[in-house]
Amino acid sequence: MFSAFSQQRTDFLKVSKVVDGDTFWVINSRGKEEKIRLIGVNTPEVRNTGRTQVEYFGKEASDFVKALLTGRRVRLEYDVGRYDRYKRTLAYVYLEDGTFLNALLVKEGFANVATYPPNVKYVELFMKLEREARNKKKGLWKE
């Protein structure tokens, strides 16, 4: 699995629920639930809320992340902007084994690159991984 280590260290937090492929909740250090949105990537939508349509490969992306995160703990790394306009915490996410979740999703074709400055720390890595996934016709890029 793809792994990377950051200079920024935080404690591991328990995942309390997974919403979809790029959004989940953790129990923060104050014992409260906190909504996390992955930085730099976007997975297809899986829920039809009236505003959002169910998108191709959404269920697969959501199931992949649920399998990785359910009942697990993660470490969060932040970039320049800590919150988005919906008040979700923006983070790069690492599993306990060091797997860099954001990068893994792009590498395996479960997500595409979605960069919003100023949070661009890993944009070059994500772009490279997306090109490779497209070339290998993985996940979203299957014919």
Protein backbone atom coordinates (compact mmCIF):
# COMPACT_ATOMS: atom_id res chain seq x y z
CA MET A 1 0.00 0.00 0.00
CA PHE A 2 1.07 3.55 -0.61
CA SER A 3 2.54 5.21 2.47
CA ALA A 4 4.19 8.50 3.34
CA PHE A 5 5.17 10.19 6.56
CA SER A 6 4.79 13.83 7.42
CA GLN A 7 6.74 16.09 9.74
CA GLN A 8 3.43 17.02 11.40
CA ARG A 9 2.37 14.48 14.04
CA THR A 10 -0.94 14.16 15.84
CA ASP A 11 -2.54 11.46 17.93
CA PHE A 12 -4.55 8.75 16.28
CA LEU A 13 -8.30 9.34 16.40
CA LYS A 14 -11.05 6.73 16.26
CA VAL A 15 -13.25 6.80 13.16
CA SER A 16 -16.88 6.91 14.31
CA LYS A 17 -18.62 6.68 10.92
CA VAL A 18 -17.91 6.87 7.21
CA VAL A 19 -20.20 9.07 5.12
CA ASP A 20 -18.74 8.30 1.68
CA GLY A 21 -15.41 8.00 -0.10
CA ASP A 22 -14.02 11.39 0.95
CA THR A 23 -15.91 12.30 4.15
CA PHE A 24 -16.04 10.62 7.56
CA TRP A 25 -16.30 11.40 11.27
CA VAL A 26 -13.78 10.92 14.09
CA ILE A 27 -13.92 11.28 17.85
CA ASN A 28 -11.59 14.22 18.50
CA SER A 29 -9.34 14.80 21.51
CA ARG A 30 -12.22 16.53 23.34
CA GLY A 31 -14.40 13.42 22.94
CA LYS A 32 -16.68 15.10 20.36
CA GLU A 33 -17.50 13.93 16.85
CA GLU A 34 -15.73 15.92 14.15
CA LYS A 35 -16.48 15.74 10.41
CA ILE A 36 -13.38 15.22 8.24
CA ARG A 37 -13.10 15.95 4.50
CA LEU A 38 -10.08 14.61 2.62
CA ILE A 39 -7.88 17.33 1.10
CA GLY A 40 -6.92 17.28 -2.56
CA VAL A 41 -9.19 14.48 -3.74
CA ASN A 42 -12.80 13.95 -4.69
CA THR A 43 -14.68 10.68 -4.85
CA PRO A 44 -17.94 10.19 -6.76
CA GLU A 45 -21.11 10.87 -4.79
CA VAL A 46 -23.03 7.89 -3.47
CA ARG A 47 -26.14 9.50 -1.97
CA ASN A 48 -29.02 11.16 -3.77
CA THR A 49 -29.94 14.08 -1.51
CA GLY A 50 -31.87 16.05 -4.07
CA ARG A 51 -28.87 18.30 -4.61
CA THR A 52 -26.42 15.56 -5.47
CA GLN A 53 -26.88 12.75 -7.96
CA VAL A 54 -25.45 9.27 -7.43
CA GLU A 55 -22.35 9.15 -9.62
CA TYR A 56 -20.52 6.40 -11.48
CA PHE A 57 -18.19 4.44 -9.17
CA GLY A 58 -19.54 6.19 -6.05
CA LYS A 59 -20.61 3.00 -4.28
CA GLU A 60 -17.28 1.32 -5.01
CA ALA A 61 -15.32 4.29 -3.64
CA SER A 62 -17.50 4.51 -0.55
CA ASP A 63 -17.25 0.76 0.11
CA PHE A 64 -13.46 0.85 -0.29
CA VAL A 65 -13.11 3.63 2.29
CA LYS A 66 -15.60 2.00 4.67
CA ALA A 67 -13.57 -1.22 4.55
CA LEU A 68 -10.37 0.71 5.36
CA LEU A 69 -11.75 3.01 8.08
CA THR A 70 -14.61 1.28 9.89
CA GLY A 71 -13.55 0.57 13.47
CA ARG A 72 -10.07 1.95 12.84
CA ARG A 73 -7.98 4.89 13.98
CA VAL A 74 -6.39 7.55 11.79
CA ARG A 75 -3.84 10.33 12.05
CA LEU A 76 -4.72 13.70 10.56
CA GLU A 77 -2.35 16.13 8.87
CA TYR A 78 -3.50 19.66 8.11
CA ASP A 79 -2.52 22.13 5.41
CA VAL A 80 -2.85 25.93 5.29
CA GLY A 81 -6.66 26.05 5.49
CA ARG A 82 -8.06 23.95 8.32
CA TYR A 83 -11.80 24.18 7.50
CA ASP A 84 -13.96 24.42 4.38
CA ARG A 85 -17.03 26.59 3.90
CA TYR A 86 -19.20 23.78 5.31
CA LYS A 87 -17.13 23.81 8.55
CA ARG A 88 -15.68 20.36 7.86
CA THR A 89 -12.12 19.78 9.03
CA LEU A 90 -9.84 19.39 6.02
CA ALA A 91 -7.10 16.79 6.38
CA TYR A 92 -4.62 14.44 4.83
CA VAL A 93 -5.30 11.08 6.47
CA TYR A 94 -2.96 8.30 7.48
CA LEU A 95 -3.91 4.83 8.66
CA GLU A 96 -2.10 3.28 11.61
CA ASP A 97 0.15 1.30 9.24
CA GLY A 98 1.31 4.56 7.62
CA THR A 99 -0.88 4.30 4.51
CA PHE A 100 -1.61 7.76 3.10
CA LEU A 101 -5.36 7.43 2.41
CA ASN A 102 -5.75 10.46 0.12
CA ALA A 103 -2.96 9.21 -2.16
CA LEU A 104 -4.15 5.60 -2.08
CA LEU A 105 -7.62 6.61 -3.28
CA VAL A 106 -6.16 8.44 -6.28
CA LYS A 107 -3.63 5.69 -7.02
CA GLU A 108 -6.32 2.98 -7.09
CA GLY A 109 -8.76 5.06 -9.17
CA PHE A 110 -11.34 5.64 -6.43
CA ALA A 111 -10.80 9.43 -6.50
CA ASN A 112 -9.67 12.15 -8.82
CA VAL A 113 -7.56 15.18 -7.94
CA ALA A 114 -9.55 18.16 -6.64
CA THR A 115 -7.25 20.90 -5.42
CA TYR A 116 -8.43 24.07 -3.73
CA PRO A 117 -5.67 26.56 -2.87
CA PRO A 118 -4.14 27.21 -0.45
CA ASN A 119 -4.24 23.46 0.40
CA VAL A 120 -1.84 22.23 -2.28
CA LYS A 121 0.90 20.45 -0.34
CA TYR A 122 0.60 17.13 -2.21
CA VAL A 123 -0.90 18.29 -5.53
CA GLU A 124 2.08 17.12 -7.60
CA LEU A 125 1.97 13.66 -6.03
CA PHE A 126 -1.79 13.40 -6.54
CA MET A 127 -1.51 14.51 -10.20
CA LYS A 128 1.19 11.89 -10.85
CA LEU A 129 -0.90 9.15 -9.22
CA GLU A 130 -4.00 10.15 -11.19
CA ARG A 131 -2.07 9.99 -14.49
CA GLU A 132 -0.84 6.51 -13.56
CA ALA A 133 -4.35 5.33 -12.60
CA ARG A 134 -5.75 6.67 -15.89
CA ASN A 135 -2.98 4.99 -17.90
CA LYS A 136 -3.63 1.68 -16.09
CA LYS A 137 -7.43 2.15 -16.46
CA LYS A 138 -8.01 1.66 -12.73
CA GLY A 139 -11.32 2.34 -10.99
CA LEU A 140 -12.94 5.49 -12.36
CA TRP A 141 -10.82 5.21 -15.47
CA LYS A 142 -12.01 1.75 -16.54
CA GLU A 143 -13.42 1.62 -20.02
